[in-house]
């Protein structure tokens, strides 16, 4: 019985161990693997990222000059970022926005004038 009172008094004078989530958001940890972005203007369409991707989430089409990422297949391992010879693929520390549709992220290079 007295042990319970000790716990009650301790909980009344200490800070809670949890956050009030919608009001207090946790800052992102450095090095977090969030989402993958491509700078399509710098891409040379060598298809190294497509070949090294373990879950085959990347499709590169050299004729259409397009780069497509299936977000639901991607395991965010970072292999595509490591093997890109022109460093056109980046990994952000921010997570992608949740969606209700299973869509793919497609980037197409515009023709140069």
N, C-alpha and C. Protein backbone atom coordinates (compact mmCIF):
# COMPACT_ATOMS: atom_id res chain seq x y z
N UNK A 1 0.82 -1.19 0.00
CA UNK A 1 0.00 0.00 0.00
C UNK A 1 0.86 1.25 0.00
N UNK A 2 1.93 1.26 0.81
CA UNK A 2 2.80 2.43 0.88
C UNK A 2 3.65 2.57 -0.38
N UNK A 3 3.95 1.43 -1.04
CA UNK A 3 4.69 1.48 -2.29
C UNK A 3 3.89 2.23 -3.36
N UNK A 4 2.59 2.04 -3.37
CA UNK A 4 1.74 2.70 -4.34
C UNK A 4 1.74 4.21 -4.13
N UNK A 5 1.73 4.67 -2.91
CA UNK A 5 1.76 6.10 -2.63
C UNK A 5 3.09 6.72 -3.08
N UNK A 6 4.16 5.98 -2.93
CA UNK A 6 5.46 6.46 -3.39
C UNK A 6 5.47 6.65 -4.90
N UNK A 7 4.87 5.72 -5.62
CA UNK A 7 4.80 5.83 -7.07
C UNK A 7 3.92 7.01 -7.47
N UNK A 8 2.82 7.22 -6.81
CA UNK A 8 1.91 8.32 -7.11
C UNK A 8 2.62 9.66 -6.90
N UNK A 9 3.31 9.82 -5.80
CA UNK A 9 4.02 11.07 -5.50
C UNK A 9 5.13 11.30 -6.53
N UNK A 10 5.84 10.23 -6.90
CA UNK A 10 6.91 10.36 -7.88
C UNK A 10 6.35 10.80 -9.24
N UNK A 11 5.22 10.24 -9.65
CA UNK A 11 4.61 10.60 -10.94
C UNK A 11 4.05 12.02 -10.93
N UNK A 12 3.65 12.52 -9.80
CA UNK A 12 3.13 13.88 -9.72
C UNK A 12 4.21 14.94 -9.87
N UNK A 13 5.43 14.64 -9.45
CA UNK A 13 6.48 15.66 -9.46
C UNK A 13 7.47 15.53 -10.62
N UNK A 14 7.40 14.45 -11.42
CA UNK A 14 8.32 14.29 -12.54
C UNK A 14 7.62 14.60 -13.86
N UNK A 15 8.44 14.84 -14.89
CA UNK A 15 7.91 15.09 -16.23
C UNK A 15 7.39 13.80 -16.84
N UNK A 16 6.39 13.87 -17.70
CA UNK A 16 5.92 12.64 -18.36
C UNK A 16 6.98 12.10 -19.32
N UNK A 17 6.96 10.82 -19.55
CA UNK A 17 7.94 10.18 -20.43
C UNK A 17 7.54 10.27 -21.89
N UNK A 18 6.34 10.71 -22.18
CA UNK A 18 5.85 10.78 -23.56
C UNK A 18 5.70 12.23 -24.01
N UNK A 19 5.48 12.42 -25.32
CA UNK A 19 5.24 13.74 -25.90
C UNK A 19 3.76 13.90 -26.19
N UNK A 20 3.34 15.12 -26.26
CA UNK A 20 1.97 15.41 -26.72
C UNK A 20 2.07 15.56 -28.22
N UNK A 21 1.93 14.45 -28.98
CA UNK A 21 2.34 14.37 -30.38
C UNK A 21 1.85 15.48 -31.30
N UNK A 22 0.61 15.70 -31.48
CA UNK A 22 0.32 16.69 -32.52
C UNK A 22 0.86 18.08 -32.20
N UNK A 23 1.04 18.37 -30.93
CA UNK A 23 1.49 19.69 -30.52
C UNK A 23 3.01 19.77 -30.40
N UNK A 24 3.64 18.68 -30.00
CA UNK A 24 5.09 18.63 -29.85
C UNK A 24 5.64 17.54 -30.75
N UNK A 25 6.22 17.94 -31.88
CA UNK A 25 6.77 16.97 -32.81
C UNK A 25 8.24 16.75 -32.54
N UNK A 26 8.68 15.53 -32.73
CA UNK A 26 10.08 15.17 -32.54
C UNK A 26 10.89 15.67 -33.73
N UNK A 27 12.06 16.20 -33.48
CA UNK A 27 12.94 16.63 -34.57
C UNK A 27 13.53 15.39 -35.23
N UNK A 28 13.82 15.52 -36.54
CA UNK A 28 14.39 14.41 -37.29
C UNK A 28 15.82 14.15 -36.83
N UNK A 29 16.17 12.90 -36.76
CA UNK A 29 17.50 12.49 -36.35
C UNK A 29 18.42 12.57 -37.57
N UNK A 30 19.63 13.06 -37.37
CA UNK A 30 20.58 13.18 -38.48
C UNK A 30 20.91 11.79 -39.01
N UNK A 31 20.87 11.66 -40.34
CA UNK A 31 21.15 10.37 -40.96
C UNK A 31 19.92 9.53 -41.19
N UNK A 32 18.76 10.08 -40.92
CA UNK A 32 17.52 9.34 -41.16
C UNK A 32 17.35 9.12 -42.65
N UNK A 33 16.98 7.91 -43.03
CA UNK A 33 16.73 7.61 -44.43
C UNK A 33 15.24 7.79 -44.69
N UNK A 34 14.88 8.90 -45.30
CA UNK A 34 13.47 9.23 -45.47
C UNK A 34 12.91 8.93 -46.82
N UNK A 35 13.30 9.66 -47.86
CA UNK A 35 12.77 9.44 -49.20
C UNK A 35 13.86 9.72 -50.23
N UNK A 36 13.63 9.22 -51.43
CA UNK A 36 14.61 9.34 -52.50
C UNK A 36 14.11 10.34 -53.53
N UNK A 37 14.98 11.26 -53.93
CA UNK A 37 14.67 12.25 -54.96
C UNK A 37 15.71 12.14 -56.07
N UNK A 38 15.28 12.48 -57.27
CA UNK A 38 16.19 12.46 -58.42
C UNK A 38 16.19 13.83 -59.08
N UNK A 39 17.37 14.30 -59.45
CA UNK A 39 17.52 15.51 -60.24
C UNK A 39 17.60 15.05 -61.69
N UNK A 40 16.47 15.01 -62.35
CA UNK A 40 16.37 14.41 -63.69
C UNK A 40 17.19 15.16 -64.73
N UNK A 41 17.45 16.43 -64.49
CA UNK A 41 18.23 17.22 -65.46
C UNK A 41 19.69 16.77 -65.51
N UNK A 42 20.20 16.22 -64.43
CA UNK A 42 21.60 15.77 -64.38
C UNK A 42 21.76 14.31 -64.77
N UNK A 43 20.66 13.57 -64.84
CA UNK A 43 20.70 12.12 -65.08
C UNK A 43 21.19 11.82 -66.50
N UNK A 44 22.07 10.82 -66.62
CA UNK A 44 22.58 10.40 -67.93
C UNK A 44 21.95 9.08 -68.37
N UNK A 45 21.04 8.54 -67.60
CA UNK A 45 20.28 7.32 -67.89
C UNK A 45 21.19 6.13 -68.16
N UNK A 46 22.15 5.93 -67.28
CA UNK A 46 23.09 4.82 -67.41
C UNK A 46 22.50 3.51 -66.87
N UNK A 47 21.42 3.59 -66.12
CA UNK A 47 20.68 2.45 -65.57
C UNK A 47 21.45 1.69 -64.48
N UNK A 48 22.50 2.26 -63.91
CA UNK A 48 23.20 1.60 -62.80
C UNK A 48 22.31 1.51 -61.57
N UNK A 49 21.54 2.54 -61.32
CA UNK A 49 20.64 2.52 -60.16
C UNK A 49 19.59 1.43 -60.31
N UNK A 50 19.11 1.22 -61.52
CA UNK A 50 18.10 0.18 -61.77
C UNK A 50 18.68 -1.21 -61.54
N UNK A 51 19.92 -1.41 -61.96
CA UNK A 51 20.56 -2.72 -61.81
C UNK A 51 20.94 -3.03 -60.36
N UNK A 52 21.32 -2.02 -59.60
CA UNK A 52 21.76 -2.23 -58.22
C UNK A 52 20.62 -2.23 -57.20
N UNK A 53 19.42 -1.83 -57.60
CA UNK A 53 18.29 -1.74 -56.67
C UNK A 53 17.84 -3.14 -56.26
N UNK A 54 17.97 -3.52 -54.97
CA UNK A 54 17.62 -4.88 -54.54
C UNK A 54 16.16 -5.26 -54.78
N UNK A 55 15.17 -4.40 -54.50
CA UNK A 55 13.78 -4.83 -54.73
C UNK A 55 13.25 -4.48 -56.12
N UNK A 56 14.12 -4.03 -57.04
CA UNK A 56 13.71 -3.62 -58.40
C UNK A 56 12.62 -2.55 -58.37
N UNK A 57 12.83 -1.53 -57.59
CA UNK A 57 11.85 -0.45 -57.45
C UNK A 57 12.08 0.68 -58.44
N UNK A 58 13.20 0.67 -59.14
CA UNK A 58 13.54 1.74 -60.09
C UNK A 58 13.47 1.21 -61.51
N UNK A 59 12.82 1.98 -62.37
CA UNK A 59 12.76 1.65 -63.81
C UNK A 59 13.26 2.88 -64.56
N UNK A 60 14.32 2.69 -65.36
CA UNK A 60 14.89 3.77 -66.16
C UNK A 60 14.63 3.46 -67.63
N UNK A 61 14.05 4.41 -68.34
CA UNK A 61 13.78 4.25 -69.76
C UNK A 61 14.63 5.26 -70.52
N UNK A 62 15.62 4.75 -71.24
CA UNK A 62 16.57 5.63 -71.93
C UNK A 62 15.93 6.32 -73.13
N UNK A 63 15.02 5.63 -73.83
CA UNK A 63 14.39 6.22 -75.01
C UNK A 63 13.46 7.37 -74.64
N UNK A 64 12.66 7.18 -73.60
CA UNK A 64 11.73 8.23 -73.15
C UNK A 64 12.39 9.26 -72.25
N UNK A 65 13.62 8.95 -71.83
CA UNK A 65 14.35 9.78 -70.85
C UNK A 65 13.52 9.98 -69.59
N UNK A 66 13.08 8.84 -69.04
CA UNK A 66 12.27 8.89 -67.82
C UNK A 66 12.88 8.00 -66.75
N UNK A 67 12.58 8.33 -65.53
CA UNK A 67 13.08 7.64 -64.34
C UNK A 67 11.88 7.45 -63.43
N UNK A 68 11.60 6.22 -63.02
CA UNK A 68 10.40 5.92 -62.26
C UNK A 68 10.76 5.15 -60.99
N UNK A 69 10.20 5.57 -59.87
CA UNK A 69 10.44 4.93 -58.58
C UNK A 69 9.12 4.45 -58.01
N UNK A 70 9.05 3.17 -57.68
CA UNK A 70 7.88 2.61 -57.02
C UNK A 70 8.11 2.74 -55.51
N UNK A 71 7.45 3.72 -54.90
CA UNK A 71 7.68 4.00 -53.48
C UNK A 71 7.30 2.85 -52.57
N UNK A 72 6.37 2.03 -53.00
CA UNK A 72 5.91 0.93 -52.15
C UNK A 72 6.80 -0.29 -52.25
N UNK A 73 7.67 -0.34 -53.22
CA UNK A 73 8.65 -1.42 -53.31
C UNK A 73 9.99 -1.02 -52.70
N UNK A 74 10.29 0.26 -52.72
CA UNK A 74 11.58 0.77 -52.27
C UNK A 74 11.78 0.51 -50.78
N UNK A 75 12.93 -0.03 -50.42
CA UNK A 75 13.26 -0.29 -49.03
C UNK A 75 14.20 0.78 -48.45
N UNK A 76 14.47 1.81 -49.23
CA UNK A 76 15.29 2.96 -48.85
C UNK A 76 16.64 2.51 -48.29
N UNK A 77 17.30 1.65 -49.06
CA UNK A 77 18.60 1.14 -48.65
C UNK A 77 19.74 2.09 -49.03
N UNK A 78 19.55 2.92 -50.07
CA UNK A 78 20.55 3.88 -50.47
C UNK A 78 21.55 3.36 -51.49
N UNK A 79 21.36 2.17 -52.02
CA UNK A 79 22.28 1.64 -53.02
C UNK A 79 22.29 2.48 -54.29
N UNK A 80 21.12 2.97 -54.69
CA UNK A 80 21.04 3.79 -55.90
C UNK A 80 21.81 5.09 -55.73
N UNK A 81 21.80 5.63 -54.53
CA UNK A 81 22.53 6.88 -54.25
C UNK A 81 24.03 6.63 -54.33
N UNK A 82 24.47 5.48 -53.84
CA UNK A 82 25.91 5.16 -53.82
C UNK A 82 26.48 4.92 -55.22
N UNK A 83 25.70 4.27 -56.10
CA UNK A 83 26.26 3.88 -57.39
C UNK A 83 26.08 4.90 -58.50
N UNK A 84 25.32 5.95 -58.27
CA UNK A 84 25.07 6.95 -59.32
C UNK A 84 26.36 7.68 -59.66
N UNK A 85 26.83 7.60 -60.93
CA UNK A 85 28.12 8.22 -61.27
C UNK A 85 28.06 9.75 -61.33
N UNK A 86 26.89 10.34 -61.56
CA UNK A 86 26.78 11.80 -61.65
C UNK A 86 26.11 12.40 -60.42
N UNK A 87 25.84 11.58 -59.43
CA UNK A 87 25.24 12.03 -58.15
C UNK A 87 23.93 12.79 -58.36
N UNK A 88 23.06 12.27 -59.20
CA UNK A 88 21.78 12.94 -59.43
C UNK A 88 20.68 12.41 -58.51
N UNK A 89 20.97 11.37 -57.74
CA UNK A 89 19.99 10.81 -56.80
C UNK A 89 20.39 11.21 -55.39
N UNK A 90 19.42 11.74 -54.64
CA UNK A 90 19.64 12.17 -53.26
C UNK A 90 18.70 11.43 -52.34
N UNK A 91 19.13 11.28 -51.10
CA UNK A 91 18.26 10.72 -50.08
C UNK A 91 17.98 11.81 -49.05
N UNK A 92 16.71 12.17 -48.92
CA UNK A 92 16.30 13.19 -47.95
C UNK A 92 16.15 12.60 -46.57
N UNK A 93 16.12 13.48 -45.59
CA UNK A 93 15.87 13.05 -44.22
C UNK A 93 14.39 13.16 -43.86
N UNK A 94 13.57 13.49 -44.85
CA UNK A 94 12.14 13.67 -44.61
C UNK A 94 11.37 12.52 -45.24
N UNK A 95 10.37 12.05 -44.54
CA UNK A 95 9.55 10.97 -45.05
C UNK A 95 8.59 11.49 -46.10
N UNK A 96 8.23 10.64 -47.03
CA UNK A 96 7.26 11.01 -48.07
C UNK A 96 5.87 11.10 -47.45
N UNK A 97 5.05 11.96 -48.03
CA UNK A 97 3.69 12.13 -47.53
C UNK A 97 2.88 10.85 -47.75
N UNK A 98 2.06 10.46 -46.79
CA UNK A 98 1.24 9.26 -46.97
C UNK A 98 0.16 9.50 -48.03
N UNK A 99 -0.15 8.45 -48.77
CA UNK A 99 -1.16 8.55 -49.82
C UNK A 99 -2.11 7.37 -49.73
N UNK A 100 -3.26 7.53 -50.35
CA UNK A 100 -4.23 6.44 -50.42
C UNK A 100 -4.11 5.67 -51.71
N UNK A 101 -3.42 6.22 -52.68
CA UNK A 101 -3.27 5.59 -53.99
C UNK A 101 -1.87 5.00 -54.12
N UNK A 102 -1.78 3.86 -54.77
CA UNK A 102 -0.47 3.25 -55.01
C UNK A 102 0.05 3.78 -56.33
N UNK A 103 0.66 4.95 -56.29
CA UNK A 103 1.19 5.56 -57.50
C UNK A 103 2.72 5.51 -57.47
N UNK A 104 3.29 5.65 -58.65
CA UNK A 104 4.74 5.65 -58.77
C UNK A 104 5.21 7.08 -59.01
N UNK A 105 6.42 7.36 -58.56
CA UNK A 105 7.00 8.68 -58.73
C UNK A 105 7.78 8.67 -60.05
N UNK A 106 7.28 9.40 -61.04
CA UNK A 106 7.90 9.40 -62.36
C UNK A 106 8.45 10.77 -62.69
N UNK A 107 9.68 10.79 -63.19
CA UNK A 107 10.34 12.03 -63.62
C UNK A 107 10.75 11.86 -65.07
N UNK A 108 10.46 12.87 -65.88
CA UNK A 108 10.80 12.84 -67.31
C UNK A 108 11.68 14.05 -67.61
N UNK A 109 12.78 13.80 -68.32
CA UNK A 109 13.69 14.88 -68.70
C UNK A 109 13.11 15.61 -69.91
N UNK A 110 13.00 16.91 -69.80
CA UNK A 110 12.50 17.71 -70.91
C UNK A 110 13.59 17.87 -71.97
N UNK A 111 13.20 17.94 -73.24
CA UNK A 111 14.22 18.12 -74.29
C UNK A 111 14.91 19.48 -74.15
N UNK A 112 16.21 19.47 -74.40
CA UNK A 112 17.00 20.70 -74.29
C UNK A 112 16.92 21.46 -75.60
N UNK A 113 16.86 22.77 -75.48
CA UNK A 113 16.76 23.61 -76.68
C UNK A 113 18.11 23.92 -77.26
